Amino acid sequence: MRKVAVVVILAVALLAAYYILTYQAPPAGPASSEGVATKASPGEAAEGAGEQPADGADRVRLVTWNLLNFGGSKDEQEVAFIASLLRDFDVVAMQEVITSPKGAQAVARLDAQLDRSGAQWDYVVSDPTTGQGSERYAFLWKPSRVRLAGRPWLEPSLADALDREPYLARFETPQGRRMLVASFHAVPTAKKPADEIAWLDQLHQRYPDDHLLILGDFNLSEQHDAFDALKAAGYRPAIVDQKTSIRMRRKDGQHLANEYDNIFYEAAPLRVEAAGVIDFTDAFRTLRDARKISDHLPVSVDVLWN
């Protein structure tokens, strides 16, 4: 009996040692923040899918897009098409999400489509802007590439001056690099967007310690002198002399109309590579069909720190 007891004790000890040596703690769940949607991992089978190589560790791929009445239109096939264009980016800034619950629901559907592309995504939707032409903004991002640092906000200091005050969020890379992204949709050309754009340098003055990007649909060319104060503060447009709005029909063989969408970045702390537009119109038989997705092209950049 004594020999049996010794054997049992040894067996238990060996099992305990094996467990201690091979045990791995379960992965921590996504961090939660008030107002931020977070989800569980899409599954082990997708591990590594959609991730960037190691040499892109200190690079953030950013895209901005006015998605035309998002939530008031766009069937599942159209949302899936939008996701196919956005899947390779790290941060997405959206303008023109409708203010009804259908707007936030549509962003959630887009997020779910992006999750199915092979990487986990999170998203946040703003409250409605406070002036005329009210709408919501949204951010979507890959938690494996950046984390949301704090809670996003509609900028209160510009609520009176601008019909649709900007929506701001701080993002941080795993290496601790931070950027502040301000998403903005100016009033239409008939309402003089230059009067609003002249206020945007106030964001630089209000957040001097942040590395700031101001992006979205400005309804104005980056060459307009309304941007002079922003440029004088050290900001540069990511794209120049590039039309981004889509015509109703071709004119003289051209399908793009105006230089409306852009990304202005603080050039001292930040640099931009691979800036451009995503012209998705060739995927559709007519411009009218393409405009069911949006009447604007997305603008994208790779952001790095100096």
C-alpha atoms as a PDB file:
ATOM      1  CA  MET A   1       0.000   0.000   0.000  1.00  0.00           C
ATOM      2  CA  ARG A   2       2.886   2.303   0.861  1.00  0.00           C
ATOM      3  CA  LYS A   3       4.350   1.772  -2.656  1.00  0.00           C
ATOM      4  CA  VAL A   4       0.964   2.544  -4.255  1.00  0.00           C
ATOM      5  CA  ALA A   5       0.685   5.758  -2.229  1.00  0.00           C
ATOM      6  CA  VAL A   6       4.166   6.830  -3.287  1.00  0.00           C
ATOM      7  CA  VAL A   7       3.319   6.187  -6.961  1.00  0.00           C
ATOM      8  CA  VAL A   8       0.096   8.205  -6.664  1.00  0.00           C
ATOM      9  CA  ILE A   9       1.907  11.109  -4.990  1.00  0.00           C
ATOM     10  CA  LEU A  10       4.584  11.117  -7.678  1.00  0.00           C
ATOM     11  CA  ALA A  11       1.976  11.026 -10.425  1.00  0.00           C
ATOM     12  CA  VAL A  12       0.086  13.973  -8.919  1.00  0.00           C
ATOM     13  CA  ALA A  13       3.328  15.921  -8.508  1.00  0.00           C
ATOM     14  CA  LEU A  14       4.287  15.290 -12.131  1.00  0.00           C
ATOM     15  CA  LEU A  15       0.858  16.420 -13.375  1.00  0.00           C
ATOM     16  CA  ALA A  16       1.034  19.566 -11.256  1.00  0.00           C
ATOM     17  CA  ALA A  17       4.504  20.371 -12.578  1.00  0.00           C
ATOM     18  CA  TYR A  18       3.368  19.847 -16.147  1.00  0.00           C
ATOM     19  CA  TYR A  19       0.381  22.159 -15.628  1.00  0.00           C
ATOM     20  CA  ILE A  20       2.528  24.908 -14.111  1.00  0.00           C
ATOM     21  CA  LEU A  21       5.104  24.732 -16.913  1.00  0.00           C
ATOM     22  CA  THR A  22       2.606  24.693 -19.758  1.00  0.00           C
ATOM     23  CA  TYR A  23      -0.154  26.968 -18.451  1.00  0.00           C
ATOM     24  CA  GLN A  24      -0.812  30.176 -20.400  1.00  0.00           C
ATOM     25  CA  ALA A  25      -3.163  32.856 -19.150  1.00  0.00           C
ATOM     26  CA  PRO A  26      -6.133  33.529 -21.444  1.00  0.00           C
ATOM     27  CA  PRO A  27      -5.789  36.675 -23.569  1.00  0.00           C
ATOM     28  CA  ALA A  28      -7.191  39.822 -22.028  1.00  0.00           C
ATOM     29  CA  GLY A  29     -10.453  41.067 -23.501  1.00  0.00           C
ATOM     30  CA  PRO A  30     -10.626  44.379 -25.365  1.00  0.00           C
ATOM     31  CA  ALA A  31     -10.462  47.446 -23.175  1.00  0.00           C
ATOM     32  CA  SER A  32     -13.778  49.156 -22.663  1.00  0.00           C
ATOM     33  CA  SER A  33     -14.492  52.867 -22.593  1.00  0.00           C
ATOM     34  CA  GLU A  34     -17.792  54.618 -22.152  1.00  0.00           C
ATOM     35  CA  GLY A  35     -19.408  55.202 -25.530  1.00  0.00           C
ATOM     36  CA  VAL A  36     -17.026  52.858 -27.358  1.00  0.00           C
ATOM     37  CA  ALA A  37     -18.172  49.598 -28.919  1.00  0.00           C
ATOM     38  CA  THR A  38     -15.783  46.696 -28.307  1.00  0.00           C
ATOM     39  CA  LYS A  39     -16.105  43.091 -29.296  1.00  0.00           C
ATOM     40  CA  ALA A  40     -14.501  39.716 -28.684  1.00  0.00           C
ATOM     41  CA  SER A  41     -11.872  38.392 -31.055  1.00  0.00           C
ATOM     42  CA  PRO A  42     -13.306  37.090 -34.349  1.00  0.00           C
ATOM     43  CA  GLY A  43     -11.616  33.742 -33.779  1.00  0.00           C
ATOM     44  CA  GLU A  44      -8.269  32.006 -33.786  1.00  0.00           C
ATOM     45  CA  ALA A  45      -8.600  30.975 -37.424  1.00  0.00           C
ATOM     46  CA  ALA A  46      -8.231  34.621 -38.430  1.00  0.00           C
ATOM     47  CA  GLU A  47      -5.103  35.232 -36.348  1.00  0.00           C
ATOM     48  CA  GLY A  48      -2.675  37.453 -38.250  1.00  0.00           C
ATOM     49  CA  ALA A  49      -5.090  38.132 -41.102  1.00  0.00           C
ATOM     50  CA  GLY A  50      -5.268  41.770 -42.082  1.00  0.00           C
ATOM     51  CA  GLU A  51      -2.215  42.632 -39.960  1.00  0.00           C
ATOM     52  CA  GLN A  52       0.688  44.728 -41.235  1.00  0.00           C
ATOM     53  CA  PRO A  53       4.252  43.434 -41.416  1.00  0.00           C
ATOM     54  CA  ALA A  54       6.709  44.268 -38.664  1.00  0.00           C
ATOM     55  CA  ASP A  55       8.288  47.096 -40.678  1.00  0.00           C
ATOM     56  CA  GLY A  56       4.944  48.928 -40.527  1.00  0.00           C
ATOM     57  CA  ALA A  57       4.791  48.829 -36.724  1.00  0.00           C
ATOM     58  CA  ASP A  58       5.213  52.610 -36.391  1.00  0.00           C
ATOM     59  CA  ARG A  59       2.985  53.470 -39.345  1.00  0.00           C
ATOM     60  CA  VAL A  60      -0.770  54.055 -39.275  1.00  0.00           C
ATOM     61  CA  ARG A  61      -2.851  53.702 -42.424  1.00  0.00           C
ATOM     62  CA  LEU A  62      -5.665  56.253 -42.258  1.00  0.00           C
ATOM     63  CA  VAL A  63      -8.608  56.886 -44.580  1.00  0.00           C
ATOM     64  CA  THR A  64     -11.389  59.489 -44.550  1.00  0.00           C
ATOM     65  CA  TRP A  65     -14.662  59.187 -46.443  1.00  0.00           C
ATOM     66  CA  ASN A  66     -17.895  61.123 -46.755  1.00  0.00           C
ATOM     67  CA  LEU A  67     -20.302  58.210 -47.152  1.00  0.00           C
ATOM     68  CA  LEU A  68     -23.381  60.113 -48.333  1.00  0.00           C
ATOM     69  CA  ASN A  69     -26.417  59.662 -46.120  1.00  0.00           C
ATOM     70  CA  PHE A  70     -24.954  56.597 -44.415  1.00  0.00           C
ATOM     71  CA  GLY A  71     -27.748  54.765 -42.647  1.00  0.00           C
ATOM     72  CA  GLY A  72     -30.425  56.273 -44.862  1.00  0.00           C
ATOM     73  CA  SER A  73     -29.340  54.131 -47.801  1.00  0.00           C
ATOM     74  CA  LYS A  74     -26.812  51.327 -48.482  1.00  0.00           C
ATOM     75  CA  ASP A  75     -28.031  47.736 -48.603  1.00  0.00           C
ATOM     76  CA  GLU A  76     -25.935  44.830 -47.324  1.00  0.00           C
ATOM     77  CA  GLN A  77     -24.209  44.338 -50.670  1.00  0.00           C
ATOM     78  CA  GLU A  78     -23.188  48.002 -50.732  1.00  0.00           C
ATOM     79  CA  VAL A  79     -21.957  47.871 -47.123  1.00  0.00           C
ATOM     80  CA  ALA A  80     -19.900  44.783 -48.023  1.00  0.00           C
ATOM     81  CA  PHE A  81     -18.387  46.679 -50.968  1.00  0.00           C
ATOM     82  CA  ILE A  82     -17.461  49.606 -48.694  1.00  0.00           C
ATOM     83  CA  ALA A  83     -15.830  47.179 -46.246  1.00  0.00           C
ATOM     84  CA  SER A  84     -13.792  45.658 -49.074  1.00  0.00           C
ATOM     85  CA  LEU A  85     -12.254  49.091 -49.751  1.00  0.00           C
ATOM     86  CA  LEU A  86     -11.538  49.848 -46.096  1.00  0.00           C
ATOM     87  CA  ARG A  87     -10.297  46.503 -44.794  1.00  0.00           C
ATOM     88  CA  ASP A  88      -6.573  47.199 -45.266  1.00  0.00           C
ATOM     89  CA  PHE A  89      -6.563  50.435 -43.256  1.00  0.00           C
ATOM     90  CA  ASP A  90      -6.008  50.918 -39.522  1.00  0.00           C
ATOM     91  CA  VAL A  91      -8.264  53.922 -38.846  1.00  0.00           C
ATOM     92  CA  VAL A  92     -11.358  55.035 -40.761  1.00  0.00           C
ATOM     93  CA  ALA A  93     -12.961  58.482 -40.321  1.00  0.00           C
ATOM     94  CA  MET A  94     -16.508  58.743 -41.652  1.00  0.00           C
ATOM     95  CA  GLN A  95     -18.638  61.799 -42.325  1.00  0.00           C
ATOM     96  CA  GLU A  96     -22.357  62.115 -43.128  1.00  0.00           C
ATOM     97  CA  VAL A  97     -23.796  59.391 -40.898  1.00  0.00           C
ATOM     98  CA  ILE A  98     -27.495  60.161 -40.415  1.00  0.00           C
ATOM     99  CA  THR A  99     -28.703  61.210 -36.966  1.00  0.00           C
ATOM    100  CA  SER A 100     -31.479  58.609 -36.525  1.00  0.00           C
ATOM    101  CA  PRO A 101     -30.712  55.223 -34.901  1.00  0.00           C
ATOM    102  CA  LYS A 102     -30.351  53.792 -38.416  1.00  0.00           C
ATOM    103  CA  GLY A 103     -27.093  55.727 -38.771  1.00  0.00           C
ATOM    104  CA  ALA A 104     -25.396  54.063 -35.801  1.00  0.00           C
ATOM    105  CA  GLN A 105     -26.893  50.708 -36.850  1.00  0.00           C
ATOM    106  CA  ALA A 106     -25.360  51.076 -40.307  1.00  0.00           C
ATOM    107  CA  VAL A 107     -21.936  51.768 -38.779  1.00  0.00           C
ATOM    108  CA  ALA A 108     -22.366  48.611 -36.683  1.00  0.00           C
ATOM    109  CA  ARG A 109     -23.158  46.638 -39.866  1.00  0.00           C
ATOM    110  CA  LEU A 110     -20.037  48.013 -41.526  1.00  0.00           C
ATOM    111  CA  ASP A 111     -17.995  47.080 -38.460  1.00  0.00           C
ATOM    112  CA  ALA A 112     -19.374  43.528 -38.619  1.00  0.00           C
ATOM    113  CA  GLN A 113     -18.442  43.280 -42.299  1.00  0.00           C
ATOM    114  CA  LEU A 114     -14.924  44.462 -41.494  1.00  0.00           C
ATOM    115  CA  ASP A 115     -14.658  41.864 -38.723  1.00  0.00           C
ATOM    116  CA  ARG A 116     -15.436  39.193 -41.301  1.00  0.00           C
ATOM    117  CA  SER A 117     -12.540  40.440 -43.446  1.00  0.00           C
ATOM    118  CA  GLY A 118     -10.072  38.775 -41.068  1.00  0.00           C
ATOM    119  CA  ALA A 119      -9.176  41.337 -38.376  1.00  0.00           C
ATOM    120  CA  GLN A 120     -11.064  42.654 -35.378  1.00  0.00           C
ATOM    121  CA  TRP A 121     -12.423  46.187 -35.614  1.00  0.00           C
ATOM    122  CA  ASP A 122     -14.006  48.562 -33.104  1.00  0.00           C
ATOM    123  CA  TYR A 123     -16.057  51.688 -33.723  1.00  0.00           C
ATOM    124  CA  VAL A 124     -17.555  54.765 -32.118  1.00  0.00           C
ATOM    125  CA  VAL A 125     -20.317  57.058 -33.385  1.00  0.00           C
ATOM    126  CA  SER A 126     -20.675  60.695 -32.368  1.00  0.00           C
ATOM    127  CA  ASP A 127     -23.724  62.437 -31.028  1.00  0.00           C
ATOM    128  CA  PRO A 128     -25.492  64.566 -33.643  1.00  0.00           C
ATOM    129  CA  THR A 129     -23.725  67.828 -34.437  1.00  0.00           C
ATOM    130  CA  THR A 130     -25.470  70.846 -32.961  1.00  0.00           C
ATOM    131  CA  GLY A 131     -26.007  73.273 -35.871  1.00  0.00           C
ATOM    132  CA  GLN A 132     -27.983  73.187 -39.094  1.00  0.00           C
ATOM    133  CA  GLY A 133     -27.568  70.171 -41.363  1.00  0.00           C
ATOM    134  CA  SER A 134     -26.951  67.990 -38.302  1.00  0.00           C
ATOM    135  CA  GLU A 135     -25.285  64.620 -38.814  1.00  0.00           C
ATOM    136  CA  ARG A 136     -23.088  62.147 -36.983  1.00  0.00           C
ATOM    137  CA  TYR A 137     -19.450  61.217 -37.490  1.00  0.00           C
ATOM    138  CA  ALA A 138     -17.881  57.817 -36.867  1.00  0.00           C
ATOM    139  CA  PHE A 139     -14.446  56.310 -36.344  1.00  0.00           C
ATOM    140  CA  LEU A 140     -13.569  52.658 -36.940  1.00  0.00           C
ATOM    141  CA  TRP A 141     -10.187  51.163 -36.085  1.00  0.00           C
ATOM    142  CA  LYS A 142      -8.213  47.955 -35.636  1.00  0.00           C
ATOM    143  CA  PRO A 143      -7.361  47.467 -31.931  1.00  0.00           C
ATOM    144  CA  SER A 144      -4.336  45.413 -32.982  1.00  0.00           C
ATOM    145  CA  ARG A 145      -2.892  48.496 -34.678  1.00  0.00           C
ATOM    146  CA  VAL A 146      -4.065  51.407 -32.518  1.00  0.00           C
ATOM    147  CA  ARG A 147      -6.020  51.948 -29.337  1.00  0.00           C
ATOM    148  CA  LEU A 148      -8.449  54.730 -28.540  1.00  0.00           C
ATOM    149  CA  ALA A 149      -6.806  57.000 -25.947  1.00  0.00           C
ATOM    150  CA  GLY A 150      -9.674  58.482 -23.975  1.00  0.00           C
ATOM    151  CA  ARG A 151     -13.143  59.282 -25.168  1.00  0.00           C
ATOM    152  CA  PRO A 152     -13.837  61.050 -28.508  1.00  0.00           C
ATOM    153  CA  TRP A 153     -15.718  64.353 -28.463  1.00  0.00           C
ATOM    154  CA  LEU A 154     -17.502  66.918 -30.596  1.00  0.00           C
ATOM    155  CA  GLU A 155     -15.440  70.096 -30.258  1.00  0.00           C
ATOM    156  CA  PRO A 156     -17.496  72.501 -28.082  1.00  0.00           C
ATOM    157  CA  SER A 157     -15.318  75.549 -28.766  1.00  0.00           C
ATOM    158  CA  LEU A 158     -16.366  75.501 -32.451  1.00  0.00           C
ATOM    159  CA  ALA A 159     -20.030  74.581 -31.993  1.00  0.00           C
ATOM    160  CA  ASP A 160     -21.219  78.164 -32.503  1.00  0.00           C
ATOM    161  CA  ALA A 161     -18.888  79.017 -35.388  1.00  0.00           C
ATOM    162  CA  LEU A 162     -19.461  75.843 -37.426  1.00  0.00           C
ATOM    163  CA  ASP A 163     -22.703  74.147 -38.427  1.00  0.00           C
ATOM    164  CA  ARG A 164     -21.117  70.720 -37.919  1.00  0.00           C
ATOM    165  CA  GLU A 165     -18.419  70.978 -35.280  1.00  0.00           C
ATOM    166  CA  PRO A 166     -15.483  68.532 -35.726  1.00  0.00           C
ATOM    167  CA  TYR A 167     -15.346  65.145 -34.015  1.00  0.00           C
ATOM    168  CA  LEU A 168     -12.001  64.432 -32.352  1.00  0.00           C
ATOM    169  CA  ALA A 169     -10.327  61.239 -31.167  1.00  0.00           C
ATOM    170  CA  ARG A 170      -6.845  60.384 -29.933  1.00  0.00           C
ATOM    171  CA  PHE A 171      -5.284  57.178 -31.212  1.00  0.00           C
ATOM    172  CA  GLU A 172      -2.149  55.542 -29.834  1.00  0.00           C
ATOM    173  CA  THR A 173       0.054  52.860 -31.390  1.00  0.00           C
ATOM    174  CA  PRO A 174       1.452  49.930 -29.368  1.00  0.00           C
ATOM    175  CA  GLN A 175       4.770  51.821 -29.395  1.00  0.00           C
ATOM    176  CA  GLY A 176       3.168  54.799 -27.612  1.00  0.00           C
ATOM    177  CA  ARG A 177       2.941  57.144 -30.608  1.00  0.00           C
ATOM    178  CA  ARG A 178      -0.158  59.346 -30.455  1.00  0.00           C
ATOM    179  CA  MET A 179      -2.120  61.391 -32.949  1.00  0.00           C
ATOM    180  CA  LEU A 180      -5.242  63.504 -32.580  1.00  0.00           C
ATOM    181  CA  VAL A 181      -7.668  63.129 -35.492  1.00  0.00           C
ATOM    182  CA  ALA A 182     -10.324  65.790 -36.155  1.00  0.00           C
ATOM    183  CA  SER A 183     -13.035  64.726 -38.606  1.00  0.00           C
ATOM    184  CA  PHE A 184     -14.964  67.591 -40.220  1.00  0.00           C
ATOM    185  CA  HIS A 185     -17.720  68.158 -42.773  1.00  0.00           C
ATOM    186  CA  ALA A 186     -17.995  71.779 -43.910  1.00  0.00           C
ATOM    187  CA  VAL A 187     -21.194  73.435 -45.071  1.00  0.00           C
ATOM    188  CA  PRO A 188     -22.050  73.194 -48.801  1.00  0.00           C
ATOM    189  CA  THR A 189     -20.469  75.636 -51.264  1.00  0.00           C
ATOM    190  CA  ALA A 190     -23.611  77.793 -51.359  1.00  0.00           C
ATOM    191  CA  LYS A 191     -23.183  78.490 -47.626  1.00  0.00           C
ATOM    192  CA  LYS A 192     -19.538  79.659 -47.941  1.00  0.00           C
ATOM    193  CA  PRO A 193     -17.429  76.870 -46.405  1.00  0.00           C
ATOM    194  CA  ALA A 194     -14.421  79.235 -46.462  1.00  0.00           C
ATOM    195  CA  ASP A 195     -15.957  81.083 -43.503  1.00  0.00           C
ATOM    196  CA  GLU A 196     -15.891  77.834 -41.495  1.00  0.00           C
ATOM    197  CA  ILE A 197     -12.485  76.621 -42.631  1.00  0.00           C
ATOM    198  CA  ALA A 198     -10.906  79.866 -41.439  1.00  0.00           C
ATOM    199  CA  TRP A 199     -11.677  78.691 -37.889  1.00  0.00           C
ATOM    200  CA  LEU A 200      -9.871  75.353 -38.106  1.00  0.00           C
ATOM    201  CA  ASP A 201      -6.489  76.666 -36.987  1.00  0.00           C
ATOM    202  CA  GLN A 202      -8.149  77.151 -33.585  1.00  0.00           C
ATOM    203  CA  LEU A 203      -7.825  73.398 -33.096  1.00  0.00           C
ATOM    204  CA  HIS A 204      -4.042  73.724 -33.310  1.00  0.00           C
ATOM    205  CA  GLN A 205      -4.098  76.501 -30.720  1.00  0.00           C
ATOM    206  CA  ARG A 206      -6.463  74.596 -28.433  1.00  0.00           C
ATOM    207  CA  TYR A 207      -4.440  71.345 -28.524  1.00  0.00           C
ATOM    208  CA  PRO A 208      -0.819  72.501 -28.956  1.00  0.00           C
ATOM    209  CA  ASP A 209       0.702  69.378 -27.400  1.00  0.00           C
ATOM    210  CA  ASP A 210      -1.097  66.984 -29.768  1.00  0.00           C
ATOM    211  CA  HIS A 211       0.062  65.783 -33.180  1.00  0.00           C
ATOM    212  CA  LEU A 212      -3.020  66.789 -35.121  1.00  0.00           C
ATOM    213  CA  LEU A 213      -4.642  65.748 -38.393  1.00  0.00           C
ATOM    214  CA  ILE A 214      -7.723  67.598 -39.639  1.00  0.00           C
ATOM    215  CA  LEU A 215      -9.529  65.658 -42.316  1.00  0.00           C
ATOM    216  CA  GLY A 216     -12.842  65.199 -44.067  1.00  0.00           C
ATOM    217  CA  ASP A 217     -15.017  66.936 -46.629  1.00  0.00           C
ATOM    218  CA  PHE A 218     -14.115  70.642 -46.755  1.00  0.00           C
ATOM    219  CA  ASN A 219     -16.293  71.488 -49.790  1.00  0.00           C
ATOM    220  CA  LEU A 220     -13.356  73.626 -50.886  1.00  0.00           C
ATOM    221  CA  SER A 221     -10.041  73.154 -52.685  1.00  0.00           C
ATOM    222  CA  GLU A 222      -6.919  72.909 -50.529  1.00  0.00           C
ATOM    223  CA  GLN A 223      -5.538  75.800 -52.626  1.00  0.00           C
ATOM    224  CA  HIS A 224      -8.135  78.271 -51.316  1.00  0.00           C
ATOM    225  CA  ASP A 225      -6.801  81.038 -49.091  1.00  0.00           C
ATOM    226  CA  ALA A 226      -9.254  79.973 -46.364  1.00  0.00           C
ATOM    227  CA  PHE A 227      -6.607  77.384 -45.464  1.00  0.00           C
ATOM    228  CA  ASP A 228      -3.850  80.005 -45.119  1.00  0.00           C
ATOM    229  CA  ALA A 229      -4.041  80.223 -41.315  1.00  0.00           C
ATOM    230  CA  LEU A 230      -3.832  76.453 -41.033  1.00  0.00           C
ATOM    231  CA  LYS A 231      -0.877  76.320 -43.421  1.00  0.00           C
ATOM    232  CA  ALA A 232       0.832  79.132 -41.519  1.00  0.00           C
ATOM    233  CA  ALA A 233       0.537  77.002 -38.386  1.00  0.00           C
ATOM    234  CA  GLY A 234       2.554  74.263 -40.113  1.00  0.00           C
ATOM    235  CA  TYR A 235      -0.148  72.095 -41.688  1.00  0.00           C
ATOM    236  CA  ARG A 236       0.073  70.567 -45.148  1.00  0.00           C
ATOM    237  CA  PRO A 237      -2.559  68.921 -47.353  1.00  0.00           C
ATOM    238  CA  ALA A 238      -1.921  65.246 -48.066  1.00  0.00           C
ATOM    239  CA  ILE A 239      -3.117  65.565 -51.667  1.00  0.00           C
ATOM    240  CA  VAL A 240      -2.843  68.536 -54.024  1.00  0.00           C
ATOM    241  CA  ASP A 241      -4.704  69.250 -57.254  1.00  0.00           C
ATOM    242  CA  GLN A 242      -6.730  66.054 -56.875  1.00  0.00           C
ATOM    243  CA  LYS A 243     -10.488  66.040 -57.471  1.00  0.00           C
ATOM    244  CA  THR A 244     -12.515  63.881 -55.106  1.00  0.00           C
ATOM    245  CA  SER A 245     -16.222  64.504 -55.785  1.00  0.00           C
ATOM    246  CA  ILE A 246     -18.008  62.381 -58.387  1.00  0.00           C
ATOM    247  CA  ARG A 247     -20.035  63.934 -61.214  1.00  0.00           C
ATOM    248  CA  MET A 248     -23.584  62.911 -62.003  1.00  0.00           C
ATOM    249  CA  ARG A 249     -22.410  62.197 -65.558  1.00  0.00           C
ATOM    250  CA  ARG A 250     -19.132  62.454 -67.422  1.00  0.00           C
ATOM    251  CA  LYS A 251     -18.122  65.808 -68.854  1.00  0.00           C
ATOM    252  CA  ASP A 252     -15.418  65.951 -71.512  1.00  0.00           C
ATOM    253  CA  GLY A 253     -14.528  62.395 -70.494  1.00  0.00           C
ATOM    254  CA  GLN A 254     -13.986  63.406 -66.857  1.00  0.00           C
ATOM    255  CA  HIS A 255     -15.909  61.787 -64.001  1.00  0.00           C
ATOM    256  CA  LEU A 256     -14.553  63.845 -61.060  1.00  0.00           C
ATOM    257  CA  ALA A 257     -15.655  67.394 -60.300  1.00  0.00           C
ATOM    258  CA  ASN A 258     -14.082  69.145 -57.294  1.00  0.00           C
ATOM    259  CA  GLU A 259     -11.145  69.071 -54.869  1.00  0.00           C
ATOM    260  CA  TYR A 260     -13.260  68.761 -51.732  1.00  0.00           C
ATOM    261  CA  ASP A 261     -11.807  65.991 -49.532  1.00  0.00           C
ATOM    262  CA  ASN A 262      -8.379  66.060 -47.947  1.00  0.00           C
ATOM    263  CA  ILE A 263      -6.216  65.378 -44.900  1.00  0.00           C
ATOM    264  CA  PHE A 264      -4.273  68.254 -43.350  1.00  0.00           C
ATOM    265  CA  TYR A 265      -1.461  67.106 -41.071  1.00  0.00           C
ATOM    266  CA  GLU A 266       0.949  68.863 -38.718  1.00  0.00           C
ATOM    267  CA  ALA A 267       4.155  68.569 -40.726  1.00  0.00           C
ATOM    268  CA  ALA A 268       6.695  69.069 -37.928  1.00  0.00           C
ATOM    269  CA  PRO A 269       5.852  65.982 -35.823  1.00  0.00           C
ATOM    270  CA  LEU A 270       4.195  63.959 -38.592  1.00  0.00           C
ATOM    271  CA  ARG A 271       4.987  62.908 -42.113  1.00  0.00           C
ATOM    272  CA  VAL A 272       2.732  61.365 -44.705  1.00  0.00           C
ATOM    273  CA  GLU A 273       3.534  58.718 -47.291  1.00  0.00           C
ATOM    274  CA  ALA A 274       1.469  56.967 -49.949  1.00  0.00           C
ATOM    275  CA  ALA A 275      -1.242  59.632 -49.981  1.00  0.00           C
ATOM    276  CA  GLY A 276      -3.965  59.331 -52.588  1.00  0.00           C
ATOM    277  CA  VAL A 277      -7.586  58.624 -53.411  1.00  0.00           C
ATOM    278  CA  ILE A 278      -9.398  55.345 -53.933  1.00  0.00           C
ATOM    279  CA  ASP A 279     -11.282  55.654 -57.198  1.00  0.00           C
ATOM    280  CA  PHE A 280     -13.911  52.940 -56.934  1.00  0.00           C
ATOM    281  CA  THR A 281     -16.027  54.149 -59.838  1.00  0.00           C
ATOM    282  CA  ASP A 282     -14.608  51.612 -62.306  1.00  0.00           C
ATOM    283  CA  ALA A 283     -16.310  48.859 -60.289  1.00  0.00           C
ATOM    284  CA  PHE A 284     -19.696  50.141 -61.516  1.00  0.00           C
ATOM    285  CA  ARG A 285     -21.322  50.297 -64.910  1.00  0.00           C
ATOM    286  CA  THR A 286     -22.393  53.938 -64.533  1.00  0.00           C
ATOM    287  CA  LEU A 287     -21.534  56.922 -62.347  1.00  0.00           C
ATOM    288  CA  ARG A 288     -25.094  56.854 -61.092  1.00  0.00           C
ATOM    289  CA  ASP A 289     -24.520  53.344 -59.755  1.00  0.00           C
ATOM    290  CA  ALA A 290     -21.204  54.385 -58.187  1.00  0.00           C
ATOM    291  CA  ARG A 291     -22.863  57.342 -56.456  1.00  0.00           C
ATOM    292  CA  LYS A 292     -25.127  54.927 -54.592  1.00  0.00           C
ATOM    293  CA  ILE A 293     -21.988  54.160 -52.583  1.00  0.00           C
ATOM    294  CA  SER A 294     -20.967  57.819 -52.280  1.00  0.00           C
ATOM    295  CA  ASP A 295     -20.573  61.000 -54.291  1.00  0.00           C
ATOM    296  CA  HIS A 296     -17.043  61.319 -52.845  1.00  0.00           C
ATOM    297  CA  LEU A 297     -13.872  59.265 -53.172  1.00  0.00           C
ATOM    298  CA  PRO A 298     -12.070  58.201 -49.991  1.00  0.00           C
ATOM    299  CA  VAL A 299      -8.714  59.882 -49.290  1.00  0.00           C
ATOM    300  CA  SER A 300      -5.988  57.810 -47.634  1.00  0.00           C
ATOM    301  CA  VAL A 301      -2.538  58.335 -46.121  1.00  0.00           C
ATOM    302  CA  ASP A 302       0.159  56.404 -44.340  1.00  0.00           C
ATOM    303  CA  VAL A 303       1.063  58.434 -41.252  1.00  0.00           C
ATOM    304  CA  LEU A 304       4.503  58.231 -39.627  1.00  0.00           C
ATOM    305  CA  TRP A 305       6.200  60.224 -36.858  1.00  0.00           C
ATOM    306  CA  ASN A 306       9.309  62.362 -37.425  1.00  0.00           C
END
